[in-house]
């Protein structure tokens, strides 16, 4: 278990910059690569992703500007810069006042996530019988107050962080897993 970092609240321009970063498939691939391997230089990232070192260097610097990764200065020499993934607890508060442009970025980010998540759900159901227990699907319905929802989500997040490992320090036999929690009120005639 790692120490849970402070929550990074995405608001306004930061939200827009974050969307721009993760909307780029090369940057998503870099984040995944560093999340798996812990540390890398632009040459090793370029080789793994089939990109040029110039392209990966550019995207690594952009991700560092957003504090999603950091340079490992003690390993960097001359033109060879080493990078590591930074564990982040990123959060956008509900009810956030956004400009129309920021709202559009938030909507696009949500659509990007949903597209990815739909693929995960489809894959989970399609491979459920042969997944040897790796695919777990659970749905539930609850009746909660707003305060209970807040408490439930905080407890869920604490549980997830209990199992987070440092990038590149994963236990033997561990696999990268996608875990999602969506809490949304049901549409009902009573409400």
Protein backbone atom coordinates (compact mmCIF):
# COMPACT_ATOMS: atom_id res chain seq x y z
CA UNK A 1 0.00 0.00 0.00
CA UNK A 2 1.24 3.49 -0.81
CA UNK A 3 0.45 6.72 0.95
CA UNK A 4 -2.51 8.38 -0.71
CA UNK A 5 -1.49 11.71 -2.25
CA UNK A 6 -3.43 14.87 -1.56
CA UNK A 7 -6.44 15.31 -3.81
CA UNK A 8 -5.71 17.36 -6.88
CA UNK A 9 -8.85 19.30 -7.69
CA UNK A 10 -9.27 20.02 -11.38
CA UNK A 11 -11.03 23.29 -12.03
CA UNK A 12 -11.29 25.75 -14.88
CA UNK A 13 -8.20 26.04 -17.04
CA UNK A 14 -6.54 23.06 -15.29
CA UNK A 15 -9.48 20.89 -16.34
CA UNK A 16 -9.13 22.07 -19.94
CA UNK A 17 -5.38 21.36 -19.97
CA UNK A 18 -5.94 17.93 -18.44
CA UNK A 19 -8.48 17.05 -21.14
CA UNK A 20 -6.06 18.18 -23.84
CA UNK A 21 -3.35 15.98 -22.32
CA UNK A 22 -5.39 12.79 -22.01
CA UNK A 23 -7.23 13.29 -25.30
CA UNK A 24 -3.93 12.65 -27.06
CA UNK A 25 -3.45 8.87 -27.52
CA UNK A 26 0.36 9.10 -27.35
CA UNK A 27 0.12 10.81 -23.96
CA UNK A 28 -2.35 8.18 -22.70
CA UNK A 29 0.06 5.47 -23.88
CA UNK A 30 2.98 7.20 -22.13
CA UNK A 31 1.01 7.42 -18.87
CA UNK A 32 0.12 3.72 -19.15
CA UNK A 33 3.72 2.77 -19.91
CA UNK A 34 5.14 4.73 -16.98
CA UNK A 35 2.37 3.42 -14.73
CA UNK A 36 3.44 -0.11 -15.56
CA UNK A 37 7.23 0.32 -15.67
CA UNK A 38 7.72 3.11 -13.14
CA UNK A 39 10.65 4.85 -14.81
CA UNK A 40 11.81 5.34 -18.39
CA UNK A 41 13.62 7.70 -20.72
CA UNK A 42 12.24 9.02 -24.00
CA UNK A 43 14.23 6.43 -25.98
CA UNK A 44 12.72 3.46 -24.15
CA UNK A 45 9.23 4.99 -24.29
CA UNK A 46 9.63 5.71 -28.02
CA UNK A 47 10.76 2.14 -28.71
CA UNK A 48 7.89 0.64 -26.70
CA UNK A 49 5.26 2.85 -28.35
CA UNK A 50 6.69 2.83 -31.88
CA UNK A 51 7.16 6.60 -31.88
CA UNK A 52 10.17 8.86 -32.50
CA UNK A 53 12.18 10.08 -29.52
CA UNK A 54 11.38 13.66 -30.54
CA UNK A 55 7.66 12.91 -30.32
CA UNK A 56 7.91 11.17 -26.96
CA UNK A 57 10.22 13.86 -25.55
CA UNK A 58 7.68 16.53 -26.47
CA UNK A 59 4.78 14.64 -24.90
CA UNK A 60 6.80 13.75 -21.78
CA UNK A 61 7.51 17.46 -21.22
CA UNK A 62 3.81 18.32 -21.66
CA UNK A 63 2.80 15.64 -19.13
CA UNK A 64 5.42 16.98 -16.73
CA UNK A 65 4.00 20.51 -17.14
CA UNK A 66 0.69 19.09 -15.86
CA UNK A 67 2.49 17.35 -12.96
CA UNK A 68 1.31 13.92 -14.11
CA UNK A 69 4.93 12.76 -14.40
CA UNK A 70 8.23 14.11 -13.08
CA UNK A 71 11.81 14.12 -14.28
CA UNK A 72 14.21 11.97 -12.27
CA UNK A 73 16.98 14.55 -12.14
CA UNK A 74 19.57 12.28 -10.51
CA UNK A 75 19.27 9.80 -13.43
CA UNK A 76 19.10 12.43 -16.17
CA UNK A 77 22.33 13.32 -17.96
CA UNK A 78 22.80 15.72 -20.83
CA UNK A 79 20.12 15.02 -23.42
CA UNK A 80 18.95 11.79 -21.78
CA UNK A 81 16.15 12.62 -19.37
CA UNK A 82 14.49 10.01 -17.18
CA UNK A 83 10.86 10.25 -16.09
CA UNK A 84 8.61 8.65 -13.49
CA UNK A 85 4.88 8.49 -13.06
CA UNK A 86 3.36 10.50 -10.24
CA UNK A 87 0.54 8.96 -8.28
CA UNK A 88 -2.37 11.38 -8.35
CA UNK A 89 -5.78 11.50 -6.76
CA UNK A 90 -7.52 13.71 -9.32
CA UNK A 91 -10.98 15.06 -8.62
CA UNK A 92 -13.42 17.49 -10.20
CA UNK A 93 -15.96 18.70 -7.64
CA UNK A 94 -19.66 18.48 -8.47
CA UNK A 95 -21.41 21.79 -9.14
CA UNK A 96 -18.23 23.42 -10.40
CA UNK A 97 -18.75 26.80 -12.09
CA UNK A 98 -17.29 26.47 -15.58
CA UNK A 99 -17.09 28.72 -18.60
CA UNK A 100 -18.74 27.31 -21.75
CA UNK A 101 -15.28 26.38 -23.10
CA UNK A 102 -14.33 24.63 -19.84
CA UNK A 103 -17.70 22.82 -19.76
CA UNK A 104 -17.06 21.63 -23.32
CA UNK A 105 -13.64 20.26 -22.26
CA UNK A 106 -15.25 18.50 -19.26
CA UNK A 107 -17.93 17.00 -21.52
CA UNK A 108 -15.33 15.79 -24.02
CA UNK A 109 -13.26 14.30 -21.20
CA UNK A 110 -16.35 12.51 -19.91
CA UNK A 111 -17.16 11.20 -23.39
CA UNK A 112 -13.57 9.96 -23.81
CA UNK A 113 -13.78 8.14 -20.47
CA UNK A 114 -17.22 6.71 -21.25
CA UNK A 115 -16.07 5.39 -24.62
CA UNK A 116 -13.17 3.62 -22.91
CA UNK A 117 -15.44 2.32 -20.13
CA UNK A 118 -18.01 0.96 -22.58
CA UNK A 119 -15.23 -1.07 -24.18
CA UNK A 120 -14.25 -2.39 -20.73
CA UNK A 121 -17.81 -3.46 -19.90
CA UNK A 122 -18.23 -5.17 -23.27
CA UNK A 123 -14.91 -6.99 -22.83
CA UNK A 124 -15.76 -7.98 -19.24
CA UNK A 125 -19.06 -9.57 -20.22
CA UNK A 126 -17.71 -11.15 -23.42
CA UNK A 127 -14.85 -12.86 -21.58
CA UNK A 128 -16.57 -13.47 -18.25
CA UNK A 129 -16.72 -17.29 -18.45
CA UNK A 130 -13.10 -17.77 -19.52
CA UNK A 131 -11.53 -15.03 -17.37
CA UNK A 132 -10.66 -17.43 -14.53
CA UNK A 133 -11.97 -14.98 -11.95
CA UNK A 134 -10.16 -11.90 -13.24
CA UNK A 135 -13.35 -10.32 -14.59
CA UNK A 136 -15.67 -9.32 -11.76
CA UNK A 137 -18.97 -7.62 -12.50
CA UNK A 138 -21.15 -6.20 -9.77
CA UNK A 139 -24.14 -3.90 -9.95
CA UNK A 140 -26.20 -2.69 -7.05
CA UNK A 141 -28.90 -0.22 -6.19
CA UNK A 142 -29.03 1.69 -2.92
CA UNK A 143 -31.27 4.30 -1.37
CA UNK A 144 -29.01 6.88 0.30
CA UNK A 145 -29.04 10.46 1.51
CA UNK A 146 -26.61 12.92 -0.08
CA UNK A 147 -24.44 12.70 3.05
CA UNK A 148 -24.42 8.89 2.80
CA UNK A 149 -23.42 9.11 -0.89
CA UNK A 150 -20.47 11.33 0.05
CA UNK A 151 -19.43 8.90 2.80
CA UNK A 152 -19.87 5.87 0.51
CA UNK A 153 -17.69 7.38 -2.22
CA UNK A 154 -14.99 8.43 0.28
CA UNK A 155 -14.90 4.89 1.75
CA UNK A 156 -14.72 3.42 -1.76
CA UNK A 157 -11.81 5.71 -2.65
CA UNK A 158 -10.01 4.77 0.57
CA UNK A 159 -10.47 1.09 -0.30
CA UNK A 160 -9.04 1.58 -3.78
CA UNK A 161 -6.00 3.43 -2.40
CA UNK A 162 -5.42 0.55 0.03
CA UNK A 163 -4.47 -1.58 -2.99
CA UNK A 164 -2.52 0.96 -5.06
CA UNK A 165 1.14 0.09 -5.67
CA UNK A 166 3.96 2.32 -6.84
CA UNK A 167 4.48 2.33 -10.62
CA UNK A 168 7.02 -0.36 -11.49
CA UNK A 169 6.67 -1.97 -8.02
CA UNK A 170 3.71 -4.25 -8.66
CA UNK A 171 3.51 -7.66 -6.95
CA UNK A 172 4.42 -10.71 -9.03
CA UNK A 173 1.39 -12.00 -10.89
CA UNK A 174 -0.42 -8.66 -10.64
CA UNK A 175 -2.33 -7.46 -13.67
CA UNK A 176 -3.49 -3.96 -14.50
CA UNK A 177 -7.21 -3.83 -13.71
CA UNK A 178 -9.83 -1.24 -14.63
CA UNK A 179 -12.08 -0.47 -11.66
CA UNK A 180 -14.97 1.97 -12.00
CA UNK A 181 -17.56 3.36 -9.61
CA UNK A 182 -20.45 5.38 -10.96
CA UNK A 183 -22.96 6.77 -8.50
CA UNK A 184 -25.95 8.45 -10.10
CA UNK A 185 -29.55 8.81 -8.96
CA UNK A 186 -32.03 6.56 -10.77
CA UNK A 187 -34.74 8.35 -12.68
CA UNK A 188 -37.96 7.47 -10.95
CA UNK A 189 -41.53 8.69 -10.78
CA UNK A 190 -41.16 9.15 -7.00
CA UNK A 191 -38.34 11.73 -7.15
